[in-house]
PDB file of N, CA and C in Angstrom:
ATOM      1  N   UNK A   1     -15.141  -8.371  40.083  1.00  0.00           N
ATOM      2  CA  UNK A   1     -16.106  -9.334  40.458  1.00  0.00           C
ATOM      3  C   UNK A   1     -15.418 -10.487  41.183  1.00  0.00           C
ATOM      4  N   UNK A   2     -16.185 -11.168  42.004  1.00  0.00           N
ATOM      5  CA  UNK A   2     -15.647 -12.253  42.832  1.00  0.00           C
ATOM      6  C   UNK A   2     -15.700 -13.551  42.015  1.00  0.00           C
ATOM      7  N   UNK A   3     -14.496 -14.125  41.783  1.00  0.00           N
ATOM      8  CA  UNK A   3     -14.490 -15.375  41.007  1.00  0.00           C
ATOM      9  C   UNK A   3     -14.209 -16.603  41.875  1.00  0.00           C
ATOM     10  N   UNK A   4     -14.590 -16.554  43.151  1.00  0.00           N
ATOM     11  CA  UNK A   4     -14.474 -17.713  44.024  1.00  0.00           C
ATOM     12  C   UNK A   4     -15.573 -18.704  43.677  1.00  0.00           C
ATOM     13  N   UNK A   5     -15.270 -19.991  43.685  1.00  0.00           N
ATOM     14  CA  UNK A   5     -16.324 -20.991  43.394  1.00  0.00           C
ATOM     15  C   UNK A   5     -17.294 -21.063  44.568  1.00  0.00           C
ATOM     16  N   UNK A   6     -18.513 -21.444  44.284  1.00  0.00           N
ATOM     17  CA  UNK A   6     -19.510 -21.590  45.337  1.00  0.00           C
ATOM     18  C   UNK A   6     -19.233 -22.898  46.113  1.00  0.00           C
ATOM     19  N   UNK A   7     -19.833 -23.005  47.260  1.00  0.00           N
ATOM     20  CA  UNK A   7     -19.646 -24.210  48.088  1.00  0.00           C
ATOM     21  C   UNK A   7     -20.110 -25.453  47.336  1.00  0.00           C
ATOM     22  N   UNK A   8     -21.201 -25.324  46.621  1.00  0.00           N
ATOM     23  CA  UNK A   8     -21.708 -26.479  45.840  1.00  0.00           C
ATOM     24  C   UNK A   8     -20.714 -26.922  44.788  1.00  0.00           C
ATOM     25  N   UNK A   9     -20.073 -25.951  44.118  1.00  0.00           N
ATOM     26  CA  UNK A   9     -19.059 -26.305  43.126  1.00  0.00           C
ATOM     27  C   UNK A   9     -17.855 -26.980  43.755  1.00  0.00           C
ATOM     28  N   UNK A  10     -17.456 -26.522  44.937  1.00  0.00           N
ATOM     29  CA  UNK A  10     -16.321 -27.124  45.623  1.00  0.00           C
ATOM     30  C   UNK A  10     -16.656 -28.556  46.036  1.00  0.00           C
ATOM     31  N   UNK A  11     -17.863 -28.760  46.540  1.00  0.00           N
ATOM     32  CA  UNK A  11     -18.258 -30.127  46.946  1.00  0.00           C
ATOM     33  C   UNK A  11     -18.327 -31.041  45.728  1.00  0.00           C
ATOM     34  N   UNK A  12     -18.849 -30.555  44.606  1.00  0.00           N
ATOM     35  CA  UNK A  12     -18.920 -31.342  43.386  1.00  0.00           C
ATOM     36  C   UNK A  12     -17.517 -31.736  42.896  1.00  0.00           C
ATOM     37  N   UNK A  13     -16.595 -30.781  42.981  1.00  0.00           N
ATOM     38  CA  UNK A  13     -15.199 -31.061  42.557  1.00  0.00           C
ATOM     39  C   UNK A  13     -14.529 -32.050  43.508  1.00  0.00           C
ATOM     40  N   UNK A  14     -14.823 -31.923  44.822  1.00  0.00           N
ATOM     41  CA  UNK A  14     -14.218 -32.818  45.818  1.00  0.00           C
ATOM     42  C   UNK A  14     -14.711 -34.242  45.621  1.00  0.00           C
ATOM     43  N   UNK A  15     -15.943 -34.396  45.188  1.00  0.00           N
ATOM     44  CA  UNK A  15     -16.463 -35.757  44.973  1.00  0.00           C
ATOM     45  C   UNK A  15     -15.777 -36.505  43.837  1.00  0.00           C
ATOM     46  N   UNK A  16     -15.166 -35.737  42.940  1.00  0.00           N
ATOM     47  CA  UNK A  16     -14.487 -36.322  41.772  1.00  0.00           C
ATOM     48  C   UNK A  16     -13.064 -36.747  42.128  1.00  0.00           C
ATOM     49  N   UNK A  17     -12.524 -36.347  43.257  1.00  0.00           N
ATOM     50  CA  UNK A  17     -11.141 -36.649  43.658  1.00  0.00           C
ATOM     51  C   UNK A  17     -11.020 -38.078  44.162  1.00  0.00           C
ATOM     52  N   UNK A  18      -9.829 -38.607  44.014  1.00  0.00           N
ATOM     53  CA  UNK A  18      -9.517 -39.920  44.595  1.00  0.00           C
ATOM     54  C   UNK A  18      -9.402 -39.715  46.134  1.00  0.00           C
ATOM     55  N   UNK A  19      -9.320 -40.840  46.864  1.00  0.00           N
ATOM     56  CA  UNK A  19      -9.202 -40.737  48.321  1.00  0.00           C
ATOM     57  C   UNK A  19      -7.913 -40.042  48.717  1.00  0.00           C
ATOM     58  N   UNK A  20      -6.830 -40.359  48.064  1.00  0.00           N
ATOM     59  CA  UNK A  20      -5.540 -39.761  48.389  1.00  0.00           C
ATOM     60  C   UNK A  20      -5.549 -38.261  48.092  1.00  0.00           C
ATOM     61  N   UNK A  21      -6.099 -37.863  46.963  1.00  0.00           N
ATOM     62  CA  UNK A  21      -6.167 -36.430  46.617  1.00  0.00           C
ATOM     63  C   UNK A  21      -7.079 -35.686  47.606  1.00  0.00           C
ATOM     64  N   UNK A  22      -8.201 -36.279  47.979  1.00  0.00           N
ATOM     65  CA  UNK A  22      -9.100 -35.639  48.936  1.00  0.00           C
ATOM     66  C   UNK A  22      -8.436 -35.491  50.296  1.00  0.00           C
ATOM     67  N   UNK A  23      -7.656 -36.478  50.703  1.00  0.00           N
ATOM     68  CA  UNK A  23      -6.932 -36.416  51.952  1.00  0.00           C
ATOM     69  C   UNK A  23      -5.932 -35.265  51.926  1.00  0.00           C
ATOM     70  N   UNK A  24      -5.245 -35.074  50.815  1.00  0.00           N
ATOM     71  CA  UNK A  24      -4.288 -33.958  50.683  1.00  0.00           C
ATOM     72  C   UNK A  24      -5.018 -32.616  50.790  1.00  0.00           C
ATOM     73  N   UNK A  25      -6.146 -32.489  50.117  1.00  0.00           N
ATOM     74  CA  UNK A  25      -6.915 -31.246  50.175  1.00  0.00           C
ATOM     75  C   UNK A  25      -7.365 -30.963  51.597  1.00  0.00           C
ATOM     76  N   UNK A  26      -7.852 -31.988  52.281  1.00  0.00           N
ATOM     77  CA  UNK A  26      -8.324 -31.818  53.679  1.00  0.00           C
ATOM     78  C   UNK A  26      -7.176 -31.439  54.605  1.00  0.00           C
ATOM     79  N   UNK A  27      -5.963 -31.989  54.368  1.00  0.00           N
ATOM     80  CA  UNK A  27      -4.792 -31.600  55.164  1.00  0.00           C
ATOM     81  C   UNK A  27      -4.478 -30.130  54.998  1.00  0.00           C
ATOM     82  N   UNK A  28      -4.522 -29.662  53.740  1.00  0.00           N
ATOM     83  CA  UNK A  28      -4.235 -28.228  53.480  1.00  0.00           C
ATOM     84  C   UNK A  28      -5.295 -27.348  54.157  1.00  0.00           C
ATOM     85  N   UNK A  29      -6.547 -27.735  54.047  1.00  0.00           N
ATOM     86  CA  UNK A  29      -7.640 -26.956  54.655  1.00  0.00           C
ATOM     87  C   UNK A  29      -7.536 -26.959  56.184  1.00  0.00           C
ATOM     88  N   UNK A  30      -7.163 -28.113  56.776  1.00  0.00           N
ATOM     89  CA  UNK A  30      -6.977 -28.193  58.218  1.00  0.00           C
ATOM     90  C   UNK A  30      -5.858 -27.273  58.677  1.00  0.00           C
ATOM     91  N   UNK A  31      -4.739 -27.251  57.969  1.00  0.00           N
ATOM     92  CA  UNK A  31      -3.622 -26.359  58.319  1.00  0.00           C
ATOM     93  C   UNK A  31      -4.039 -24.881  58.204  1.00  0.00           C
ATOM     94  N   UNK A  32      -4.794 -24.561  57.152  1.00  0.00           N
ATOM     95  CA  UNK A  32      -5.276 -23.173  56.974  1.00  0.00           C
ATOM     96  C   UNK A  32      -6.210 -22.771  58.135  1.00  0.00           C
ATOM     97  N   UNK A  33      -7.073 -23.662  58.545  1.00  0.00           N
ATOM     98  CA  UNK A  33      -7.987 -23.380  59.615  1.00  0.00           C
ATOM     99  C   UNK A  33      -7.232 -23.181  60.958  1.00  0.00           C
ATOM    100  N   UNK A  34      -6.221 -24.002  61.228  1.00  0.00           N
ATOM    101  CA  UNK A  34      -5.418 -23.864  62.401  1.00  0.00           C
ATOM    102  C   UNK A  34      -4.728 -22.505  62.415  1.00  0.00           C
ATOM    103  N   UNK A  35      -4.175 -22.107  61.256  1.00  0.00           N
ATOM    104  CA  UNK A  35      -3.513 -20.824  61.125  1.00  0.00           C
ATOM    105  C   UNK A  35      -4.462 -19.680  61.422  1.00  0.00           C
ATOM    106  N   UNK A  36      -5.660 -19.754  60.891  1.00  0.00           N
ATOM    107  CA  UNK A  36      -6.660 -18.703  61.111  1.00  0.00           C
ATOM    108  C   UNK A  36      -7.082 -18.624  62.572  1.00  0.00           C
ATOM    109  N   UNK A  37      -7.280 -19.756  63.213  1.00  0.00           N
ATOM    110  CA  UNK A  37      -7.627 -19.752  64.642  1.00  0.00           C
ATOM    111  C   UNK A  37      -6.497 -19.175  65.489  1.00  0.00           C
ATOM    112  N   UNK A  38      -5.265 -19.555  65.188  1.00  0.00           N
ATOM    113  CA  UNK A  38      -4.117 -19.028  65.912  1.00  0.00           C
ATOM    114  C   UNK A  38      -4.024 -17.508  65.752  1.00  0.00           C
ATOM    115  N   UNK A  39      -4.218 -17.052  64.540  1.00  0.00           N
ATOM    116  CA  UNK A  39      -4.176 -15.614  64.293  1.00  0.00           C
ATOM    117  C   UNK A  39      -5.295 -14.859  65.053  1.00  0.00           C
ATOM    118  N   UNK A  40      -6.467 -15.468  65.090  1.00  0.00           N
ATOM    119  CA  UNK A  40      -7.584 -14.860  65.833  1.00  0.00           C
ATOM    120  C   UNK A  40      -7.277 -14.836  67.342  1.00  0.00           C
ATOM    121  N   UNK A  41      -6.637 -15.857  67.854  1.00  0.00           N
ATOM    122  CA  UNK A  41      -6.237 -15.871  69.263  1.00  0.00           C
ATOM    123  C   UNK A  41      -5.202 -14.781  69.545  1.00  0.00           C
ATOM    124  N   UNK A  42      -4.241 -14.593  68.634  1.00  0.00           N
ATOM    125  CA  UNK A  42      -3.211 -13.559  68.834  1.00  0.00           C
ATOM    126  C   UNK A  42      -3.836 -12.175  68.815  1.00  0.00           C
ATOM    127  N   UNK A  43      -4.776 -11.932  67.937  1.00  0.00           N
ATOM    128  CA  UNK A  43      -5.487 -10.632  67.881  1.00  0.00           C
ATOM    129  C   UNK A  43      -6.275 -10.413  69.176  1.00  0.00           C
ATOM    130  N   UNK A  44      -6.930 -11.452  69.656  1.00  0.00           N
ATOM    131  CA  UNK A  44      -7.703 -11.319  70.904  1.00  0.00           C
ATOM    132  C   UNK A  44      -6.787 -11.034  72.071  1.00  0.00           C
ATOM    133  N   UNK A  45      -5.613 -11.671  72.139  1.00  0.00           N
ATOM    134  CA  UNK A  45      -4.665 -11.460  73.207  1.00  0.00           C
ATOM    135  C   UNK A  45      -4.104 -10.071  73.210  1.00  0.00           C
ATOM    136  N   UNK A  46      -3.903  -9.475  71.994  1.00  0.00           N
ATOM    137  CA  UNK A  46      -3.370  -8.126  71.934  1.00  0.00           C
ATOM    138  C   UNK A  46      -4.341  -7.084  72.483  1.00  0.00           C
ATOM    139  N   UNK A  47      -5.634  -7.424  72.531  1.00  0.00           N
ATOM    140  CA  UNK A  47      -6.639  -6.497  73.045  1.00  0.00           C
ATOM    141  C   UNK A  47      -6.616  -6.462  74.576  1.00  0.00           C
ATOM    142  N   UNK A  48      -5.943  -7.399  75.207  1.00  0.00           N
ATOM    143  CA  UNK A  48      -5.906  -7.470  76.658  1.00  0.00           C
ATOM    144  C   UNK A  48      -4.580  -6.991  77.200  1.00  0.00           C
ATOM    145  N   UNK A  49      -4.599  -6.506  78.445  1.00  0.00           N
ATOM    146  CA  UNK A  49      -3.385  -6.041  79.091  1.00  0.00           C
ATOM    147  C   UNK A  49      -3.276  -6.708  80.475  1.00  0.00           C
ATOM    148  N   UNK A  50      -2.039  -6.706  81.026  1.00  0.00           N
ATOM    149  CA  UNK A  50      -1.854  -7.201  82.364  1.00  0.00           C
ATOM    150  C   UNK A  50      -2.736  -6.390  83.306  1.00  0.00           C
ATOM    151  N   UNK A  51      -3.294  -7.027  84.299  1.00  0.00           N
ATOM    152  CA  UNK A  51      -4.141  -6.470  85.331  1.00  0.00           C
ATOM    153  C   UNK A  51      -5.577  -6.160  84.865  1.00  0.00           C
ATOM    154  N   UNK A  52      -5.905  -6.426  83.604  1.00  0.00           N
ATOM    155  CA  UNK A  52      -7.333  -6.304  83.166  1.00  0.00           C
ATOM    156  C   UNK A  52      -8.139  -7.386  83.871  1.00  0.00           C
ATOM    157  N   UNK A  53      -9.377  -7.062  84.152  1.00  0.00           N
ATOM    158  CA  UNK A  53     -10.290  -8.055  84.711  1.00  0.00           C
ATOM    159  C   UNK A  53     -11.083  -8.658  83.577  1.00  0.00           C
ATOM    160  N   UNK A  54     -11.276  -9.975  83.599  1.00  0.00           N
ATOM    161  CA  UNK A  54     -11.948 -10.700  82.536  1.00  0.00           C
ATOM    162  C   UNK A  54     -12.907 -11.709  83.128  1.00  0.00           C
ATOM    163  N   UNK A  55     -13.830 -12.172  82.266  1.00  0.00           N
ATOM    164  CA  UNK A  55     -14.673 -13.300  82.635  1.00  0.00           C
ATOM    165  C   UNK A  55     -14.718 -14.278  81.470  1.00  0.00           C
ATOM    166  N   UNK A  56     -14.955 -15.525  81.788  1.00  0.00           N
ATOM    167  CA  UNK A  56     -14.999 -16.541  80.736  1.00  0.00           C
ATOM    168  C   UNK A  56     -16.309 -16.452  79.979  1.00  0.00           C
ATOM    169  N   UNK A  57     -16.236 -16.621  78.686  1.00  0.00           N
ATOM    170  CA  UNK A  57     -17.443 -16.602  77.830  1.00  0.00           C
ATOM    171  C   UNK A  57     -17.729 -18.010  77.270  1.00  0.00           C
ATOM    172  N   UNK A  58     -16.810 -18.951  77.630  1.00  0.00           N
ATOM    173  CA  UNK A  58     -16.984 -20.362  77.250  1.00  0.00           C
ATOM    174  C   UNK A  58     -16.556 -21.180  78.485  1.00  0.00           C
ATOM    175  N   UNK A  59     -17.298 -22.206  78.813  1.00  0.00           N
ATOM    176  CA  UNK A  59     -16.857 -23.054  79.929  1.00  0.00           C
ATOM    177  C   UNK A  59     -15.671 -23.893  79.531  1.00  0.00           C
ATOM    178  N   UNK A  60     -14.858 -24.262  80.495  1.00  0.00           N
ATOM    179  CA  UNK A  60     -13.706 -25.146  80.282  1.00  0.00           C
ATOM    180  C   UNK A  60     -13.818 -26.318  81.256  1.00  0.00           C
ATOM    181  N   UNK A  61     -12.835 -27.204  81.246  1.00  0.00           N
ATOM    182  CA  UNK A  61     -12.928 -28.373  82.129  1.00  0.00           C
ATOM    183  C   UNK A  61     -13.083 -27.992  83.582  1.00  0.00           C
ATOM    184  N   UNK A  62     -12.263 -27.051  84.057  1.00  0.00           N
ATOM    185  CA  UNK A  62     -12.281 -26.695  85.476  1.00  0.00           C
ATOM    186  C   UNK A  62     -12.781 -25.259  85.691  1.00  0.00           C
ATOM    187  N   UNK A  63     -13.176 -24.575  84.657  1.00  0.00           N
ATOM    188  CA  UNK A  63     -13.652 -23.196  84.777  1.00  0.00           C
ATOM    189  C   UNK A  63     -15.071 -23.109  84.268  1.00  0.00           C
ATOM    190  N   UNK A  64     -16.005 -22.651  85.086  1.00  0.00           N
ATOM    191  CA  UNK A  64     -17.383 -22.496  84.583  1.00  0.00           C
ATOM    192  C   UNK A  64     -17.537 -21.248  83.729  1.00  0.00           C
ATOM    193  N   UNK A  65     -18.625 -21.193  83.019  1.00  0.00           N
ATOM    194  CA  UNK A  65     -19.006 -19.990  82.264  1.00  0.00           C
ATOM    195  C   UNK A  65     -19.198 -18.837  83.237  1.00  0.00           C
ATOM    196  N   UNK A  66     -18.613 -17.682  82.962  1.00  0.00           N
ATOM    197  CA  UNK A  66     -18.790 -16.489  83.796  1.00  0.00           C
ATOM    198  C   UNK A  66     -17.805 -16.367  84.937  1.00  0.00           C
ATOM    199  N   UNK A  67     -16.784 -17.234  85.015  1.00  0.00           N
ATOM    200  CA  UNK A  67     -15.802 -17.131  86.080  1.00  0.00           C
ATOM    201  C   UNK A  67     -15.019 -15.817  85.874  1.00  0.00           C
ATOM    202  N   UNK A  68     -14.830 -15.076  86.966  1.00  0.00           N
ATOM    203  CA  UNK A  68     -14.172 -13.756  86.885  1.00  0.00           C
ATOM    204  C   UNK A  68     -12.773 -13.844  87.489  1.00  0.00           C
ATOM    205  N   UNK A  69     -11.823 -13.123  86.832  1.00  0.00           N
ATOM    206  CA  UNK A  69     -10.452 -13.102  87.324  1.00  0.00           C
ATOM    207  C   UNK A  69      -9.692 -11.973  86.701  1.00  0.00           C
ATOM    208  N   UNK A  70      -8.425 -11.841  87.078  1.00  0.00           N
ATOM    209  CA  UNK A  70      -7.606 -10.787  86.500  1.00  0.00           C
ATOM    210  C   UNK A  70      -6.387 -11.371  85.836  1.00  0.00           C
ATOM    211  N   UNK A  71      -5.949 -10.720  84.763  1.00  0.00           N
ATOM    212  CA  UNK A  71      -4.859 -11.197  83.931  1.00  0.00           C
ATOM    213  C   UNK A  71      -3.546 -10.980  84.696  1.00  0.00           C
ATOM    214  N   UNK A  72      -2.743 -12.016  84.717  1.00  0.00           N
ATOM    215  CA  UNK A  72      -1.430 -11.937  85.344  1.00  0.00           C
ATOM    216  C   UNK A  72      -0.373 -11.747  84.249  1.00  0.00           C
ATOM    217  N   UNK A  73      -0.552 -12.401  83.107  1.00  0.00           N
ATOM    218  CA  UNK A  73       0.452 -12.291  82.041  1.00  0.00           C
ATOM    219  C   UNK A  73      -0.245 -12.571  80.687  1.00  0.00           C
ATOM    220  N   UNK A  74       0.104 -11.792  79.648  1.00  0.00           N
ATOM    221  CA  UNK A  74      -0.392 -12.016  78.332  1.00  0.00           C
ATOM    222  C   UNK A  74       0.743 -12.615  77.523  1.00  0.00           C
ATOM    223  N   UNK A  75       0.479 -13.786  76.948  1.00  0.00           N
ATOM    224  CA  UNK A  75       1.464 -14.435  76.071  1.00  0.00           C
ATOM    225  C   UNK A  75       1.032 -14.255  74.628  1.00  0.00           C
ATOM    226  N   UNK A  76       1.578 -14.977  73.691  1.00  0.00           N
ATOM    227  CA  UNK A  76       1.235 -14.805  72.296  1.00  0.00           C
ATOM    228  C   UNK A  76      -0.265 -14.947  72.061  1.00  0.00           C
ATOM    229  N   UNK A  77      -0.793 -16.124  72.240  1.00  0.00           N
ATOM    230  CA  UNK A  77      -2.211 -16.308  72.019  1.00  0.00           C
ATOM    231  C   UNK A  77      -2.916 -16.813  73.255  1.00  0.00           C
ATOM    232  N   UNK A  78      -2.190 -16.974  74.338  1.00  0.00           N
ATOM    233  CA  UNK A  78      -2.755 -17.433  75.582  1.00  0.00           C
ATOM    234  C   UNK A  78      -2.577 -16.364  76.688  1.00  0.00           C
ATOM    235  N   UNK A  79      -3.393 -16.455  77.697  1.00  0.00           N
ATOM    236  CA  UNK A  79      -3.378 -15.466  78.767  1.00  0.00           C
ATOM    237  C   UNK A  79      -3.359 -16.229  80.097  1.00  0.00           C
ATOM    238  N   UNK A  80      -2.479 -15.852  80.986  1.00  0.00           N
ATOM    239  CA  UNK A  80      -2.438 -16.432  82.338  1.00  0.00           C
ATOM    240  C   UNK A  80      -3.354 -15.555  83.203  1.00  0.00           C
ATOM    241  N   UNK A  81      -4.383 -16.187  83.799  1.00  0.00           N
ATOM    242  CA  UNK A  81      -5.384 -15.456  84.539  1.00  0.00           C
ATOM    243  C   UNK A  81      -5.493 -16.059  85.950  1.00  0.00           C
ATOM    244  N   UNK A  82      -5.606 -15.163  86.945  1.00  0.00           N
ATOM    245  CA  UNK A  82      -5.870 -15.608  88.311  1.00  0.00           C
ATOM    246  C   UNK A  82      -7.386 -15.465  88.561  1.00  0.00           C
ATOM    247  N   UNK A  83      -8.044 -16.589  88.747  1.00  0.00           N
ATOM    248  CA  UNK A  83      -9.427 -16.609  89.119  1.00  0.00           C
ATOM    249  C   UNK A  83      -9.500 -16.824  90.632  1.00  0.00           C
ATOM    250  N   UNK A  84      -9.920 -15.848  91.408  1.00  0.00           N
ATOM    251  CA  UNK A  84      -9.862 -15.972  92.880  1.00  0.00           C
ATOM    252  C   UNK A  84     -10.561 -17.217  93.422  1.00  0.00           C
ATOM    253  N   UNK A  85     -11.642 -17.663  92.780  1.00  0.00           N
ATOM    254  CA  UNK A  85     -12.378 -18.825  93.273  1.00  0.00           C
ATOM    255  C   UNK A  85     -11.816 -20.163  92.741  1.00  0.00           C
ATOM    256  N   UNK A  86     -10.937 -20.115  91.735  1.00  0.00           N
ATOM    257  CA  UNK A  86     -10.500 -21.359  91.098  1.00  0.00           C
ATOM    258  C   UNK A  86      -8.973 -21.501  90.985  1.00  0.00           C
ATOM    259  N   UNK A  87      -8.207 -20.417  91.156  1.00  0.00           N
ATOM    260  CA  UNK A  87      -6.744 -20.462  91.031  1.00  0.00           C
ATOM    261  C   UNK A  87      -6.253 -19.881  89.736  1.00  0.00           C
ATOM    262  N   UNK A  88      -4.989 -20.186  89.389  1.00  0.00           N
ATOM    263  CA  UNK A  88      -4.377 -19.696  88.162  1.00  0.00           C
ATOM    264  C   UNK A  88      -4.606 -20.673  87.016  1.00  0.00           C
ATOM    265  N   UNK A  89      -4.952 -20.094  85.839  1.00  0.00           N
ATOM    266  CA  UNK A  89      -5.130 -20.908  84.659  1.00  0.00           C
ATOM    267  C   UNK A  89      -4.545 -20.181  83.442  1.00  0.00           C
ATOM    268  N   UNK A  90      -4.006 -20.908  82.507  1.00  0.00           N
ATOM    269  CA  UNK A  90      -3.621 -20.384  81.218  1.00  0.00           C
ATOM    270  C   UNK A  90      -4.721 -20.756  80.239  1.00  0.00           C
ATOM    271  N   UNK A  91      -5.352 -19.726  79.665  1.00  0.00           N
ATOM    272  CA  UNK A  91      -6.484 -19.974  78.768  1.00  0.00           C
ATOM    273  C   UNK A  91      -6.273 -19.254  77.445  1.00  0.00           C
ATOM    274  N   UNK A  92      -7.032 -19.676  76.479  1.00  0.00           N
ATOM    275  CA  UNK A  92      -7.019 -18.976  75.178  1.00  0.00           C
ATOM    276  C   UNK A  92      -7.711 -17.640  75.341  1.00  0.00           C
ATOM    277  N   UNK A  93      -7.183 -16.612  74.682  1.00  0.00           N
ATOM    278  CA  UNK A  93      -7.731 -15.289  74.804  1.00  0.00           C
ATOM    279  C   UNK A  93      -9.165 -15.200  74.243  1.00  0.00           C
ATOM    280  N   UNK A  94      -9.489 -16.106  73.331  1.00  0.00           N
ATOM    281  CA  UNK A  94     -10.833 -16.041  72.750  1.00  0.00           C
ATOM    282  C   UNK A  94     -11.892 -16.534  73.724  1.00  0.00           C
ATOM    283  N   UNK A  95     -11.481 -17.114  74.854  1.00  0.00           N
ATOM    284  CA  UNK A  95     -12.422 -17.570  75.871  1.00  0.00           C
ATOM    285  C   UNK A  95     -12.789 -16.479  76.876  1.00  0.00           C
ATOM    286  N   UNK A  96     -12.167 -15.284  76.723  1.00  0.00           N
ATOM    287  CA  UNK A  96     -12.317 -14.246  77.725  1.00  0.00           C
ATOM    288  C   UNK A  96     -12.989 -13.007  77.192  1.00  0.00           C
ATOM    289  N   UNK A  97     -13.665 -12.301  78.094  1.00  0.00           N
ATOM    290  CA  UNK A  97     -14.264 -10.998  77.754  1.00  0.00           C
ATOM    291  C   UNK A  97     -13.801 -10.019  78.847  1.00  0.00           C
ATOM    292  N   UNK A  98     -13.341  -8.862  78.446  1.00  0.00           N
ATOM    293  CA  UNK A  98     -12.865  -7.838  79.373  1.00  0.00           C
ATOM    294  C   UNK A  98     -14.074  -7.265  80.135  1.00  0.00           C
ATOM    295  N   UNK A  99     -13.908  -7.061  81.468  1.00  0.00           N
ATOM    296  CA  UNK A  99     -14.969  -6.495  82.292  1.00  0.00           C
ATOM    297  C   UNK A  99     -14.383  -5.391  83.167  1.00  0.00           C
ATOM    298  N   UNK A 100     -15.229  -4.639  83.835  1.00  0.00           N
ATOM    299  CA  UNK A 100     -14.752  -3.639  84.757  1.00  0.00           C
ATOM    300  C   UNK A 100     -14.051  -4.279  85.928  1.00  0.00           C
ATOM    301  N   UNK A 101     -13.062  -3.557  86.474  1.00  0.00           N
ATOM    302  CA  UNK A 101     -12.276  -4.092  87.604  1.00  0.00           C
ATOM    303  C   UNK A 101     -13.158  -4.296  88.823  1.00  0.00           C
ATOM    304  N   UNK A 102     -12.839  -5.357  89.555  1.00  0.00           N
ATOM    305  CA  UNK A 102     -13.601  -5.630  90.776  1.00  0.00           C
ATOM    306  C   UNK A 102     -13.291  -4.553  91.822  1.00  0.00           C
ATOM    307  N   UNK A 103     -14.298  -4.064  92.543  1.00  0.00           N
ATOM    308  CA  UNK A 103     -14.021  -3.060  93.567  1.00  0.00           C
ATOM    309  C   UNK A 103     -13.185  -3.626  94.696  1.00  0.00           C
ATOM    310  N   UNK A 104     -12.138  -2.916  95.064  1.00  0.00           N
ATOM    311  CA  UNK A 104     -11.263  -3.360  96.141  1.00  0.00           C
ATOM    312  C   UNK A 104     -10.186  -4.301  95.709  1.00  0.00           C
ATOM    313  N   UNK A 105     -10.044  -4.549  94.422  1.00  0.00           N
ATOM    314  CA  UNK A 105      -8.988  -5.429  93.924  1.00  0.00           C
ATOM    315  C   UNK A 105      -9.357  -6.897  94.064  1.00  0.00           C
ATOM    316  N   UNK A 106      -8.317  -7.740  94.255  1.00  0.00           N
ATOM    317  CA  UNK A 106      -8.538  -9.182  94.329  1.00  0.00           C
ATOM    318  C   UNK A 106      -9.287  -9.550  95.576  1.00  0.00           C
ATOM    319  N   UNK A 107     -10.453 -10.208  95.469  1.00  0.00           N
ATOM    320  CA  UNK A 107     -11.226 -10.570  96.624  1.00  0.00           C
ATOM    321  C   UNK A 107     -10.591 -11.636  97.541  1.00  0.00           C
ATOM    322  N   UNK A 108      -9.679 -12.432  97.019  1.00  0.00           N
ATOM    323  CA  UNK A 108      -9.013 -13.458  97.812  1.00  0.00           C
ATOM    324  C   UNK A 108      -7.504 -13.361  97.616  1.00  0.00           C
ATOM    325  N   UNK A 109      -6.850 -12.385  98.238  1.00  0.00           N
ATOM    326  CA  UNK A 109      -5.407 -12.177  97.963  1.00  0.00           C
ATOM    327  C   UNK A 109      -4.532 -13.351  98.404  1.00  0.00           C
ATOM    328  N   UNK A 110      -5.022 -14.209  99.299  1.00  0.00           N
ATOM    329  CA  UNK A 110      -4.218 -15.353  99.718  1.00  0.00           C
ATOM    330  C   UNK A 110      -4.032 -16.356  98.580  1.00  0.00           C
ATOM    331  N   UNK A 111      -4.894 -16.303  97.513  1.00  0.00           N
ATOM    332  CA  UNK A 111      -4.746 -17.211  96.424  1.00  0.00           C
ATOM    333  C   UNK A 111      -3.833 -16.712  95.326  1.00  0.00           C
ATOM    334  N   UNK A 112      -3.347 -15.493  95.442  1.00  0.00           N
ATOM    335  CA  UNK A 112      -2.425 -14.981  94.437  1.00  0.00           C
ATOM    336  C   UNK A 112      -2.570 -13.504  94.246  1.00  0.00           C
ATOM    337  N   UNK A 113      -1.769 -12.937  93.369  1.00  0.00           N
ATOM    338  CA  UNK A 113      -1.736 -11.504  93.135  1.00  0.00           C
ATOM    339  C   UNK A 113      -3.003 -11.008  92.507  1.00  0.00           C
TER     340      UNK A 113
END
């Protein structure tokens, strides 16, 4: 049987902590969350290969939602992608979805490989 406390029990216990103790608990939880996100990014990057075509599933500062490009290099949890309309960007693998290759290869070869 699962003996994890419910969310309500955790909140009730957290309310009984002093400020310093609560800060320590939040630091541990923040570190755990960072670790989980990093691991998820690494798993997502392992699913991609060089020369795969991808599109963005989340907008970024300079990349709109649905921007299409091809992978130049896969790193640990980040991927270097050439977007013909926007240039080269290093993005998190969780921002990308694999798609079918564009017919005829790169539509703007003057912008990169």
